[in-house]
C-alpha atoms as a PDB file:
ATOM      1  CA  MET A   1     105.660 191.907  39.575  1.00  0.00           C
ATOM      2  CA  LYS A   2     106.468 195.235  41.203  1.00  0.00           C
ATOM      3  CA  ALA A   3     109.640 197.032  40.173  1.00  0.00           C
ATOM      4  CA  ALA A   4     111.313 200.428  40.510  1.00  0.00           C
ATOM      5  CA  LEU A   5     112.218 201.390  36.956  1.00  0.00           C
ATOM      6  CA  ILE A   6     113.058 204.270  34.680  1.00  0.00           C
ATOM      7  CA  HIS A   7     111.423 205.075  31.343  1.00  0.00           C
ATOM      8  CA  GLY A   8     114.231 207.462  30.398  1.00  0.00           C
ATOM      9  CA  TYR A   9     117.239 209.158  31.928  1.00  0.00           C
ATOM     10  CA  GLY A  10     116.751 212.072  34.294  1.00  0.00           C
ATOM     11  CA  GLU A  11     118.396 214.042  37.097  1.00  0.00           C
ATOM     12  CA  ALA A  12     115.221 214.066  39.195  1.00  0.00           C
ATOM     13  CA  PHE A  13     114.789 211.329  41.770  1.00  0.00           C
ATOM     14  CA  ASN A  14     111.202 210.786  40.638  1.00  0.00           C
ATOM     15  CA  THR A  15     112.613 209.516  37.347  1.00  0.00           C
ATOM     16  CA  LEU A  16     112.428 206.252  39.281  1.00  0.00           C
ATOM     17  CA  VAL A  17     108.842 204.981  39.339  1.00  0.00           C
ATOM     18  CA  TYR A  18     107.375 202.045  41.252  1.00  0.00           C
ATOM     19  CA  GLU A  19     104.900 200.119  39.127  1.00  0.00           C
ATOM     20  CA  ASP A  20     103.783 196.761  37.786  1.00  0.00           C
ATOM     21  CA  VAL A  21     105.775 195.092  35.003  1.00  0.00           C
ATOM     22  CA  GLN A  22     105.624 191.631  33.517  1.00  0.00           C
ATOM     23  CA  THR A  23     107.419 188.981  35.570  1.00  0.00           C
ATOM     24  CA  PRO A  24     110.227 187.442  33.490  1.00  0.00           C
ATOM     25  CA  ALA A  25     110.242 183.707  32.809  1.00  0.00           C
ATOM     26  CA  ALA A  26     113.266 181.467  33.210  1.00  0.00           C
ATOM     27  CA  GLY A  27     114.547 180.407  29.795  1.00  0.00           C
ATOM     28  CA  PRO A  28     116.877 177.502  29.014  1.00  0.00           C
ATOM     29  CA  GLY A  29     119.835 177.504  31.404  1.00  0.00           C
ATOM     30  CA  GLU A  30     118.343 180.360  33.443  1.00  0.00           C
ATOM     31  CA  LEU A  31     117.117 180.898  36.994  1.00  0.00           C
ATOM     32  CA  LEU A  32     114.244 183.080  38.131  1.00  0.00           C
ATOM     33  CA  ILE A  33     115.169 184.486  41.534  1.00  0.00           C
ATOM     34  CA  ARG A  34     112.698 185.895  44.043  1.00  0.00           C
ATOM     35  CA  VAL A  35     114.564 188.970  45.298  1.00  0.00           C
ATOM     36  CA  HIS A  36     114.704 189.414  49.070  1.00  0.00           C
ATOM     37  CA  ALA A  37     117.171 192.322  49.119  1.00  0.00           C
ATOM     38  CA  SER A  38     118.914 194.553  46.597  1.00  0.00           C
ATOM     39  CA  GLY A  39     121.675 197.115  46.973  1.00  0.00           C
ATOM     40  CA  VAL A  40     121.884 200.812  46.118  1.00  0.00           C
ATOM     41  CA  ASN A  41     125.111 201.778  44.340  1.00  0.00           C
ATOM     42  CA  HIS A  42     126.730 204.886  42.896  1.00  0.00           C
ATOM     43  CA  CYS A  43     126.563 203.288  39.455  1.00  0.00           C
ATOM     44  CA  ASP A  44     122.767 203.133  39.850  1.00  0.00           C
ATOM     45  CA  THR A  45     122.534 206.881  40.393  1.00  0.00           C
ATOM     46  CA  ASP A  46     124.871 207.474  37.454  1.00  0.00           C
ATOM     47  CA  LEU A  47     122.751 205.238  35.243  1.00  0.00           C
ATOM     48  CA  ARG A  48     119.532 207.004  36.250  1.00  0.00           C
ATOM     49  CA  LYS A  49     121.055 210.285  35.076  1.00  0.00           C
ATOM     50  CA  GLY A  50     122.468 208.801  31.853  1.00  0.00           C
ATOM     51  CA  LEU A  51     126.089 209.111  32.999  1.00  0.00           C
ATOM     52  CA  PHE A  52     127.088 205.448  33.090  1.00  0.00           C
ATOM     53  CA  GLY A  53     128.386 205.434  29.535  1.00  0.00           C
ATOM     54  CA  VAL A  54     126.289 202.471  28.396  1.00  0.00           C
ATOM     55  CA  ASP A  55     122.837 202.853  26.863  1.00  0.00           C
ATOM     56  CA  SER A  56     120.194 200.741  28.584  1.00  0.00           C
ATOM     57  CA  PRO A  57     117.024 199.593  26.814  1.00  0.00           C
ATOM     58  CA  MET A  58     113.945 201.426  28.136  1.00  0.00           C
ATOM     59  CA  PRO A  59     111.966 200.923  30.240  1.00  0.00           C
ATOM     60  CA  HIS A  60     114.749 199.677  32.457  1.00  0.00           C
ATOM     61  CA  VAL A  61     115.108 198.036  35.879  1.00  0.00           C
ATOM     62  CA  MET A  62     118.396 198.991  37.546  1.00  0.00           C
ATOM     63  CA  GLY A  63     120.232 197.261  40.405  1.00  0.00           C
ATOM     64  CA  VAL A  64     123.654 195.624  40.036  1.00  0.00           C
ATOM     65  CA  ASP A  65     123.330 193.368  43.052  1.00  0.00           C
ATOM     66  CA  ALA A  66     120.614 191.327  44.709  1.00  0.00           C
ATOM     67  CA  ALA A  67     120.073 188.274  46.872  1.00  0.00           C
ATOM     68  CA  GLY A  68     117.163 185.881  47.018  1.00  0.00           C
ATOM     69  CA  ALA A  69     115.815 182.387  46.521  1.00  0.00           C
ATOM     70  CA  VAL A  70     115.413 180.434  43.295  1.00  0.00           C
ATOM     71  CA  ALA A  71     111.744 180.581  42.330  1.00  0.00           C
ATOM     72  CA  ASP A  72     111.930 178.651  39.040  1.00  0.00           C
ATOM     73  CA  VAL A  73     114.521 176.943  36.854  1.00  0.00           C
ATOM     74  CA  GLY A  74     114.663 176.794  33.082  1.00  0.00           C
ATOM     75  CA  ALA A  75     115.262 173.782  30.874  1.00  0.00           C
ATOM     76  CA  GLY A  76     118.718 172.285  31.216  1.00  0.00           C
ATOM     77  CA  VAL A  77     119.463 173.757  34.666  1.00  0.00           C
ATOM     78  CA  THR A  78     121.289 171.170  36.731  1.00  0.00           C
ATOM     79  CA  ALA A  79     123.257 173.133  39.340  1.00  0.00           C
ATOM     80  CA  PHE A  80     120.319 174.722  41.204  1.00  0.00           C
ATOM     81  CA  ARG A  81     116.776 173.969  42.275  1.00  0.00           C
ATOM     82  CA  GLU A  82     113.841 175.884  43.650  1.00  0.00           C
ATOM     83  CA  GLY A  83     114.479 177.304  47.107  1.00  0.00           C
ATOM     84  CA  ASP A  84     118.260 177.557  46.795  1.00  0.00           C
ATOM     85  CA  ARG A  85     119.616 180.765  48.332  1.00  0.00           C
ATOM     86  CA  VAL A  86     121.659 182.638  45.717  1.00  0.00           C
ATOM     87  CA  ALA A  87     123.064 185.982  44.681  1.00  0.00           C
ATOM     88  CA  PRO A  88     123.615 187.023  41.048  1.00  0.00           C
ATOM     89  CA  HIS A  89     127.093 188.202  40.121  1.00  0.00           C
ATOM     90  CA  PHE A  90     126.933 191.590  38.416  1.00  0.00           C
ATOM     91  CA  MET A  91     129.392 190.613  35.654  1.00  0.00           C
ATOM     92  CA  LEU A  92     127.302 188.721  33.099  1.00  0.00           C
ATOM     93  CA  SER A  93     130.295 187.183  31.352  1.00  0.00           C
ATOM     94  CA  CYS A  94     130.121 185.146  28.157  1.00  0.00           C
ATOM     95  CA  GLY A  95     131.592 182.031  29.774  1.00  0.00           C
ATOM     96  CA  VAL A  96     133.495 180.878  26.681  1.00  0.00           C
ATOM     97  CA  CYS A  97     136.279 183.405  25.979  1.00  0.00           C
ATOM     98  CA  ALA A  98     139.866 182.839  27.154  1.00  0.00           C
ATOM     99  CA  ASP A  99     139.463 185.165  30.146  1.00  0.00           C
ATOM    100  CA  CYS A 100     136.285 183.396  31.291  1.00  0.00           C
ATOM    101  CA  ARG A 101     137.897 179.986  30.886  1.00  0.00           C
ATOM    102  CA  ASN A 102     140.838 181.170  32.994  1.00  0.00           C
ATOM    103  CA  GLY A 103     138.601 182.323  35.833  1.00  0.00           C
ATOM    104  CA  ALA A 104     139.014 186.006  34.971  1.00  0.00           C
ATOM    105  CA  GLU A 105     135.444 186.689  33.907  1.00  0.00           C
ATOM    106  CA  ASN A 106     135.891 190.245  35.191  1.00  0.00           C
ATOM    107  CA  LEU A 107     138.053 190.847  32.098  1.00  0.00           C
ATOM    108  CA  CYS A 108     135.525 189.368  29.657  1.00  0.00           C
ATOM    109  CA  ALA A 109     135.210 191.714  26.674  1.00  0.00           C
ATOM    110  CA  HIS A 110     131.740 190.371  25.881  1.00  0.00           C
ATOM    111  CA  ALA A 111     130.222 190.704  29.359  1.00  0.00           C
ATOM    112  CA  GLY A 112     127.016 192.485  30.146  1.00  0.00           C
ATOM    113  CA  VAL A 113     126.309 194.119  33.494  1.00  0.00           C
ATOM    114  CA  LEU A 114     123.351 193.270  35.719  1.00  0.00           C
ATOM    115  CA  GLY A 115     121.110 196.292  36.087  1.00  0.00           C
ATOM    116  CA  VAL A 116     122.806 198.048  33.158  1.00  0.00           C
ATOM    117  CA  THR A 117     122.605 195.933  30.026  1.00  0.00           C
ATOM    118  CA  HIS A 118     120.030 193.580  31.569  1.00  0.00           C
ATOM    119  CA  TRP A 119     117.189 194.116  34.029  1.00  0.00           C
ATOM    120  CA  GLY A 120     118.573 194.038  37.565  1.00  0.00           C
ATOM    121  CA  GLY A 121     117.649 193.775  41.212  1.00  0.00           C
ATOM    122  CA  TYR A 122     115.216 196.694  41.675  1.00  0.00           C
ATOM    123  CA  ALA A 123     112.307 194.263  41.343  1.00  0.00           C
ATOM    124  CA  GLU A 124     110.537 191.377  42.987  1.00  0.00           C
ATOM    125  CA  TYR A 125     112.178 188.942  40.554  1.00  0.00           C
ATOM    126  CA  VAL A 126     115.360 188.870  38.505  1.00  0.00           C
ATOM    127  CA  ARG A 127     116.346 186.420  35.752  1.00  0.00           C
ATOM    128  CA  VAL A 128     119.949 185.301  35.234  1.00  0.00           C
ATOM    129  CA  ARG A 129     121.899 182.405  33.763  1.00  0.00           C
ATOM    130  CA  GLN A 130     122.777 179.648  36.208  1.00  0.00           C
ATOM    131  CA  ASP A 131     126.506 180.307  35.709  1.00  0.00           C
ATOM    132  CA  HIS A 132     126.058 183.932  36.801  1.00  0.00           C
ATOM    133  CA  VAL A 133     125.131 183.236  40.431  1.00  0.00           C
ATOM    134  CA  VAL A 134     126.845 182.200  43.652  1.00  0.00           C
ATOM    135  CA  ARG A 135     125.356 180.368  46.597  1.00  0.00           C
ATOM    136  CA  ILE A 136     124.691 182.204  49.846  1.00  0.00           C
ATOM    137  CA  PRO A 137     126.149 180.290  52.829  1.00  0.00           C
ATOM    138  CA  ASP A 138     123.791 178.981  55.493  1.00  0.00           C
ATOM    139  CA  GLY A 139     123.411 181.385  58.369  1.00  0.00           C
ATOM    140  CA  LEU A 140     124.071 184.503  56.290  1.00  0.00           C
ATOM    141  CA  SER A 141     120.998 186.706  55.891  1.00  0.00           C
ATOM    142  CA  TYR A 142     119.861 188.064  52.538  1.00  0.00           C
ATOM    143  CA  ASP A 143     120.382 191.605  53.835  1.00  0.00           C
ATOM    144  CA  ASP A 144     123.976 190.911  54.856  1.00  0.00           C
ATOM    145  CA  ALA A 145     124.692 188.969  51.671  1.00  0.00           C
ATOM    146  CA  VAL A 146     123.624 191.816  49.403  1.00  0.00           C
ATOM    147  CA  ALA A 147     125.178 194.465  51.662  1.00  0.00           C
ATOM    148  CA  GLY A 148     128.538 192.726  51.640  1.00  0.00           C
ATOM    149  CA  GLN A 149     129.034 190.855  48.387  1.00  0.00           C
ATOM    150  CA  ILE A 150     130.092 193.723  46.093  1.00  0.00           C
ATOM    151  CA  PRO A 151     131.906 195.893  48.684  1.00  0.00           C
ATOM    152  CA  PHE A 152     133.915 193.073  50.231  1.00  0.00           C
ATOM    153  CA  ALA A 153     134.628 191.368  46.907  1.00  0.00           C
ATOM    154  CA  THR A 154     135.747 194.691  45.414  1.00  0.00           C
ATOM    155  CA  ALA A 155     137.976 195.449  48.399  1.00  0.00           C
ATOM    156  CA  TRP A 156     139.378 191.898  48.351  1.00  0.00           C
ATOM    157  CA  GLU A 157     140.234 192.098  44.650  1.00  0.00           C
ATOM    158  CA  ALA A 158     141.940 195.475  45.104  1.00  0.00           C
ATOM    159  CA  LEU A 159     143.830 194.913  48.343  1.00  0.00           C
ATOM    160  CA  VAL A 160     144.591 191.197  48.300  1.00  0.00           C
ATOM    161  CA  GLU A 161     144.720 190.251  44.627  1.00  0.00           C
ATOM    162  CA  GLU A 162     145.918 193.431  42.884  1.00  0.00           C
ATOM    163  CA  ILE A 163     148.298 195.171  45.287  1.00  0.00           C
ATOM    164  CA  ALA A 164     149.077 192.149  47.510  1.00  0.00           C
ATOM    165  CA  LEU A 165     148.712 193.966  50.825  1.00  0.00           C
ATOM    166  CA  ARG A 166     150.969 192.365  53.432  1.00  0.00           C
ATOM    167  CA  ALA A 167     150.894 192.106  57.212  1.00  0.00           C
ATOM    168  CA  GLY A 168     152.696 194.980  58.877  1.00  0.00           C
ATOM    169  CA  GLU A 169     152.214 197.416  55.990  1.00  0.00           C
ATOM    170  CA  THR A 170     150.386 200.723  56.326  1.00  0.00           C
ATOM    171  CA  VAL A 171     147.512 201.285  53.907  1.00  0.00           C
ATOM    172  CA  LEU A 172     145.499 204.420  53.170  1.00  0.00           C
ATOM    173  CA  ILE A 173     141.817 203.896  52.406  1.00  0.00           C
ATOM    174  CA  THR A 174     139.893 206.863  51.019  1.00  0.00           C
ATOM    175  CA  ALA A 175     136.094 207.230  51.092  1.00  0.00           C
ATOM    176  CA  ALA A 176     136.181 205.077  54.209  1.00  0.00           C
ATOM    177  CA  GLY A 177     132.568 205.959  54.982  1.00  0.00           C
ATOM    178  CA  GLY A 178     131.143 204.283  51.882  1.00  0.00           C
ATOM    179  CA  GLY A 179     130.200 200.679  51.267  1.00  0.00           C
ATOM    180  CA  VAL A 180     133.525 199.656  49.710  1.00  0.00           C
ATOM    181  CA  GLY A 181     135.534 201.874  52.057  1.00  0.00           C
ATOM    182  CA  SER A 182     134.023 200.415  55.215  1.00  0.00           C
ATOM    183  CA  ALA A 183     134.553 196.931  53.765  1.00  0.00           C
ATOM    184  CA  ALA A 184     138.151 197.728  52.825  1.00  0.00           C
ATOM    185  CA  VAL A 185     139.006 198.754  56.378  1.00  0.00           C
ATOM    186  CA  GLN A 186     138.000 195.272  57.529  1.00  0.00           C
ATOM    187  CA  VAL A 187     139.755 193.431  54.688  1.00  0.00           C
ATOM    188  CA  ALA A 188     142.963 195.372  55.355  1.00  0.00           C
ATOM    189  CA  LYS A 189     142.835 194.563  59.062  1.00  0.00           C
ATOM    190  CA  LEU A 190     142.201 190.904  58.215  1.00  0.00           C
ATOM    191  CA  ALA A 191     145.408 191.046  56.134  1.00  0.00           C
ATOM    192  CA  GLY A 192     147.292 192.363  59.160  1.00  0.00           C
ATOM    193  CA  ALA A 193     147.852 195.916  57.904  1.00  0.00           C
ATOM    194  CA  ARG A 194     147.812 199.214  59.760  1.00  0.00           C
ATOM    195  CA  VAL A 195     144.917 201.261  58.351  1.00  0.00           C
ATOM    196  CA  ILE A 196     144.727 205.018  57.854  1.00  0.00           C
ATOM    197  CA  ALA A 197     141.147 205.870  56.919  1.00  0.00           C
ATOM    198  CA  ALA A 198     140.293 209.057  55.026  1.00  0.00           C
ATOM    199  CA  ALA A 199     136.765 210.464  54.953  1.00  0.00           C
ATOM    200  CA  GLY A 200     134.855 213.721  54.799  1.00  0.00           C
ATOM    201  CA  SER A 201     133.835 214.062  58.442  1.00  0.00           C
ATOM    202  CA  GLU A 202     135.011 213.186  61.929  1.00  0.00           C
ATOM    203  CA  GLU A 203     131.797 211.217  62.458  1.00  0.00           C
ATOM    204  CA  LYS A 204     132.661 208.889  59.581  1.00  0.00           C
ATOM    205  CA  LEU A 205     136.231 208.542  60.835  1.00  0.00           C
ATOM    206  CA  GLU A 206     135.004 207.519  64.282  1.00  0.00           C
ATOM    207  CA  LYS A 207     132.886 204.797  62.692  1.00  0.00           C
ATOM    208  CA  ALA A 208     135.876 203.676  60.619  1.00  0.00           C
ATOM    209  CA  ARG A 209     137.940 203.436  63.810  1.00  0.00           C
ATOM    210  CA  ALA A 210     135.200 201.276  65.318  1.00  0.00           C
ATOM    211  CA  LEU A 211     135.726 198.885  62.382  1.00  0.00           C
ATOM    212  CA  GLY A 212     139.462 198.720  63.078  1.00  0.00           C
ATOM    213  CA  ALA A 213     141.061 201.778  61.455  1.00  0.00           C
ATOM    214  CA  ASP A 214     144.171 202.840  63.374  1.00  0.00           C
ATOM    215  CA  ALA A 215     144.154 206.517  62.350  1.00  0.00           C
ATOM    216  CA  GLY A 216     142.047 208.933  60.338  1.00  0.00           C
ATOM    217  CA  ILE A 217     142.342 211.871  57.955  1.00  0.00           C
ATOM    218  CA  ASP A 218     139.471 214.316  57.471  1.00  0.00           C
ATOM    219  CA  TYR A 219     140.175 215.507  53.937  1.00  0.00           C
ATOM    220  CA  THR A 220     137.808 218.449  54.278  1.00  0.00           C
ATOM    221  CA  ARG A 221     140.302 220.111  56.639  1.00  0.00           C
ATOM    222  CA  GLN A 222     143.543 218.108  56.367  1.00  0.00           C
ATOM    223  CA  GLU A 223     145.908 217.601  53.421  1.00  0.00           C
ATOM    224  CA  ILE A 224     146.062 213.871  52.695  1.00  0.00           C
ATOM    225  CA  GLY A 225     149.715 213.542  51.729  1.00  0.00           C
ATOM    226  CA  ALA A 226     151.110 215.690  54.550  1.00  0.00           C
ATOM    227  CA  GLU A 227     148.940 214.034  57.188  1.00  0.00           C
ATOM    228  CA  ALA A 228     149.781 210.540  55.931  1.00  0.00           C
ATOM    229  CA  ARG A 229     153.494 211.343  56.205  1.00  0.00           C
ATOM    230  CA  ARG A 230     152.992 212.732  59.705  1.00  0.00           C
ATOM    231  CA  LEU A 231     151.277 209.494  60.716  1.00  0.00           C
ATOM    232  CA  THR A 232     154.109 207.396  59.254  1.00  0.00           C
ATOM    233  CA  ASP A 233     157.130 209.317  60.604  1.00  0.00           C
ATOM    234  CA  GLY A 234     157.638 211.025  57.249  1.00  0.00           C
ATOM    235  CA  ARG A 235     157.755 207.901  55.085  1.00  0.00           C
ATOM    236  CA  GLY A 236     154.248 207.721  53.596  1.00  0.00           C
ATOM    237  CA  VAL A 237     151.987 204.706  53.180  1.00  0.00           C
ATOM    238  CA  ASP A 238     152.989 201.371  51.652  1.00  0.00           C
ATOM    239  CA  ALA A 239     149.686 200.970  49.816  1.00  0.00           C
ATOM    240  CA  ALA A 240     146.450 202.812  49.126  1.00  0.00           C
ATOM    241  CA  LEU A 241     142.931 202.076  47.950  1.00  0.00           C
ATOM    242  CA  GLU A 242     141.406 205.134  46.271  1.00  0.00           C
ATOM    243  CA  MET A 243     137.850 205.330  44.994  1.00  0.00           C
ATOM    244  CA  THR A 244     137.001 209.011  44.616  1.00  0.00           C
ATOM    245  CA  GLY A 245     139.217 210.473  41.895  1.00  0.00           C
ATOM    246  CA  GLY A 246     139.918 214.173  41.453  1.00  0.00           C
ATOM    247  CA  ALA A 247     141.841 215.920  44.211  1.00  0.00           C
ATOM    248  CA  ILE A 248     141.482 212.921  46.539  1.00  0.00           C
ATOM    249  CA  LEU A 249     143.329 210.730  44.030  1.00  0.00           C
ATOM    250  CA  LEU A 250     146.138 213.273  43.790  1.00  0.00           C
ATOM    251  CA  GLY A 251     146.347 213.396  47.579  1.00  0.00           C
ATOM    252  CA  ALA A 252     146.537 209.609  47.776  1.00  0.00           C
ATOM    253  CA  ILE A 253     149.380 209.534  45.227  1.00  0.00           C
ATOM    254  CA  ASP A 254     151.182 212.197  47.250  1.00  0.00           C
ATOM    255  CA  ALA A 255     150.800 210.021  50.361  1.00  0.00           C
ATOM    256  CA  LEU A 256     152.623 207.026  48.838  1.00  0.00           C
ATOM    257  CA  ALA A 257     156.015 205.925  50.144  1.00  0.00           C
ATOM    258  CA  PRO A 258     158.807 204.820  47.784  1.00  0.00           C
ATOM    259  CA  GLY A 259     157.872 201.500  46.199  1.00  0.00           C
ATOM    260  CA  ALA A 260     154.223 201.808  47.196  1.00  0.00           C
ATOM    261  CA  ARG A 261     151.187 200.522  45.278  1.00  0.00           C
ATOM    262  CA  LEU A 262     147.822 202.195  44.743  1.00  0.00           C
ATOM    263  CA  ALA A 263     144.592 200.558  43.593  1.00  0.00           C
ATOM    264  CA  THR A 264     141.936 202.836  42.092  1.00  0.00           C
ATOM    265  CA  ILE A 265     138.338 201.713  41.630  1.00  0.00           C
ATOM    266  CA  GLY A 266     136.257 204.868  41.124  1.00  0.00           C
ATOM    267  CA  ALA A 267     136.197 208.499  40.081  1.00  0.00           C
ATOM    268  CA  HIS A 268     132.920 210.106  41.170  1.00  0.00           C
ATOM    269  CA  GLY A 269     134.910 213.039  42.517  1.00  0.00           C
ATOM    270  CA  GLY A 270     136.614 213.719  39.166  1.00  0.00           C
ATOM    271  CA  GLU A 271     137.357 211.458  36.217  1.00  0.00           C
ATOM    272  CA  ARG A 272     140.180 213.526  34.729  1.00  0.00           C
ATOM    273  CA  VAL A 273     143.200 214.721  36.722  1.00  0.00           C
ATOM    274  CA  GLU A 274     146.607 216.096  35.813  1.00  0.00           C
ATOM    275  CA  VAL A 275     149.325 213.862  37.241  1.00  0.00           C
ATOM    276  CA  ASP A 276     153.057 214.548  37.563  1.00  0.00           C
ATOM    277  CA  PHE A 277     154.559 211.277  36.351  1.00  0.00           C
ATOM    278  CA  ILE A 278     157.992 212.212  37.649  1.00  0.00           C
ATOM    279  CA  GLU A 279     156.585 211.175  41.029  1.00  0.00           C
ATOM    280  CA  PHE A 280     155.953 207.692  39.658  1.00  0.00           C
ATOM    281  CA  PHE A 281     159.405 206.820  38.422  1.00  0.00           C
ATOM    282  CA  ARG A 282     161.372 208.680  41.095  1.00  0.00           C
ATOM    283  CA  LYS A 283     159.495 206.869  43.859  1.00  0.00           C
ATOM    284  CA  HIS A 284     158.964 203.575  41.956  1.00  0.00           C
ATOM    285  CA  ILE A 285     155.245 203.637  42.678  1.00  0.00           C
ATOM    286  CA  SER A 286     152.593 201.754  40.731  1.00  0.00           C
ATOM    287  CA  VAL A 287     148.870 202.251  40.113  1.00  0.00           C
ATOM    288  CA  HIS A 288     146.439 199.384  39.542  1.00  0.00           C
ATOM    289  CA  GLY A 289     143.029 199.912  37.991  1.00  0.00           C
ATOM    290  CA  CYS A 290     140.458 197.380  39.213  1.00  0.00           C
ATOM    291  CA  GLY A 291     136.937 197.146  40.602  1.00  0.00           C
ATOM    292  CA  ARG A 292     135.385 194.167  38.848  1.00  0.00           C
ATOM    293  CA  SER A 293     135.480 191.192  41.155  1.00  0.00           C
ATOM    294  CA  THR A 294     134.990 187.576  40.070  1.00  0.00           C
ATOM    295  CA  ARG A 295     132.557 184.994  41.373  1.00  0.00           C
ATOM    296  CA  ALA A 296     135.495 183.382  43.193  1.00  0.00           C
ATOM    297  CA  HIS A 297     136.097 186.646  45.063  1.00  0.00           C
ATOM    298  CA  VAL A 298     132.407 186.836  45.994  1.00  0.00           C
ATOM    299  CA  GLU A 299     132.361 183.232  47.228  1.00  0.00           C
ATOM    300  CA  ARG A 300     135.476 183.888  49.331  1.00  0.00           C
ATOM    301  CA  VAL A 301     134.078 186.958  51.093  1.00  0.00           C
ATOM    302  CA  LEU A 302     130.607 185.469  51.584  1.00  0.00           C
ATOM    303  CA  GLY A 303     132.305 182.586  53.382  1.00  0.00           C
ATOM    304  CA  LEU A 304     134.281 184.988  55.570  1.00  0.00           C
ATOM    305  CA  MET A 305     131.094 186.897  56.339  1.00  0.00           C
ATOM    306  CA  ALA A 306     129.277 183.703  57.308  1.00  0.00           C
ATOM    307  CA  ALA A 307     132.214 182.844  59.593  1.00  0.00           C
ATOM    308  CA  GLY A 308     131.934 186.236  61.283  1.00  0.00           C
ATOM    309  CA  ARG A 309     135.337 187.475  60.112  1.00  0.00           C
ATOM    310  CA  LEU A 310     133.884 190.257  57.957  1.00  0.00           C
ATOM    311  CA  ARG A 311     130.829 192.288  58.937  1.00  0.00           C
ATOM    312  CA  PRO A 312     128.812 194.295  56.404  1.00  0.00           C
ATOM    313  CA  VAL A 313     127.707 197.746  57.484  1.00  0.00           C
ATOM    314  CA  ILE A 314     124.105 198.645  56.667  1.00  0.00           C
ATOM    315  CA  HIS A 315     123.218 202.303  57.045  1.00  0.00           C
ATOM    316  CA  ARG A 316     119.521 202.012  56.220  1.00  0.00           C
ATOM    317  CA  VAL A 317     116.955 199.628  54.754  1.00  0.00           C
ATOM    318  CA  PHE A 318     114.321 201.037  52.375  1.00  0.00           C
ATOM    319  CA  PRO A 319     111.241 199.397  50.883  1.00  0.00           C
ATOM    320  CA  LEU A 320     111.633 199.133  47.112  1.00  0.00           C
ATOM    321  CA  SER A 321     108.780 201.601  46.707  1.00  0.00           C
ATOM    322  CA  GLU A 322     111.082 204.255  48.224  1.00  0.00           C
ATOM    323  CA  ALA A 323     113.863 203.833  45.655  1.00  0.00           C
ATOM    324  CA  PRO A 324     113.836 207.599  44.888  1.00  0.00           C
ATOM    325  CA  GLU A 325     114.516 208.347  48.568  1.00  0.00           C
ATOM    326  CA  ALA A 326     117.353 205.792  48.568  1.00  0.00           C
ATOM    327  CA  HIS A 327     118.923 207.513  45.561  1.00  0.00           C
ATOM    328  CA  ALA A 328     118.608 210.894  47.272  1.00  0.00           C
ATOM    329  CA  LEU A 329     120.475 209.595  50.320  1.00  0.00           C
ATOM    330  CA  MET A 330     123.151 208.014  48.119  1.00  0.00           C
ATOM    331  CA  GLU A 331     123.769 211.303  46.314  1.00  0.00           C
ATOM    332  CA  SER A 332     123.841 213.258  49.590  1.00  0.00           C
ATOM    333  CA  ARG A 333     126.808 211.147  50.770  1.00  0.00           C
ATOM    334  CA  ASN A 334     125.364 211.522  54.257  1.00  0.00           C
ATOM    335  CA  PHE A 335     125.676 207.857  55.133  1.00  0.00           C
ATOM    336  CA  PHE A 336     128.121 205.250  56.412  1.00  0.00           C
ATOM    337  CA  GLY A 337     128.086 201.785  54.867  1.00  0.00           C
ATOM    338  CA  ARG A 338     125.389 200.592  52.506  1.00  0.00           C
ATOM    339  CA  MET A 339     121.745 201.222  51.710  1.00  0.00           C
ATOM    340  CA  ILE A 340     119.646 198.243  50.724  1.00  0.00           C
ATOM    341  CA  MET A 341     116.052 197.789  49.571  1.00  0.00           C
ATOM    342  CA  ARG A 342     113.505 195.057  50.120  1.00  0.00           C
ATOM    343  CA  PRO A 343     110.654 194.383  47.657  1.00  0.00           C
END
């Protein structure tokens, strides 16, 4: 099969090479999936450069999400058959620990990660266990399924499950031009919240408004906390979803109203920050770390997408052979929504 893979870590985009590798075979309890679309994620670019924090066996096929059709089933597979439309879940949980048994496989201490510890979706085929996939609803395209499953599931976990966003509340969403940010705007509106989107350009803010954002903050020229208070008559926001880290995280904390909640899911803009904890106990604010959705979250948002209540945003579609170009665009941050690839 053809795959875009790395033979070692490297900053250069041509570290990714497109070449022939052996097609995996479905073992007992496994599915072999013919990939129709795969996503490009920040964690992929981090992994290529050796910054993910987990060593991957080389040569390695990246790609934490994919969508396709079952091409073959291994011995003992009973839940799926050839032709079924499926998407692997990126958390390759053990399935037997207490967290997995309680439906919290995102907390599994023994889990692998698709495209990190195991070969992922940057290939014509991917092999996974049958309990690591979800079904794609009829009427939902492979492109939309892969473009939406991780962003919407991540936003759903953060906004609905972790910080319990309620109708009538005002929520700040940073990095609103990215895949998760553009998804979060829609999830927050579905929950009945007023959305203040924050992004690095007016162009991205206009696109966020088109998705339902009620107001915008350009953090390249506006101070997040002060502008959020101006937009809320001095009170601040009831909730926030922050995914950048660094100074943007500090600005989001500053924007919080008394009793507010913040969910944080990323730190590409700075992993270490100095925080004044007096702000936390004086204002009774709380911070929730999250970002690993469950299969139940994915199934929920795929259903909402199929029903037309959530709409994935696709910035550009690349052929798999142009994976280096896709990584270059991801690192430029000059995009809105998601990039996907087709083998």
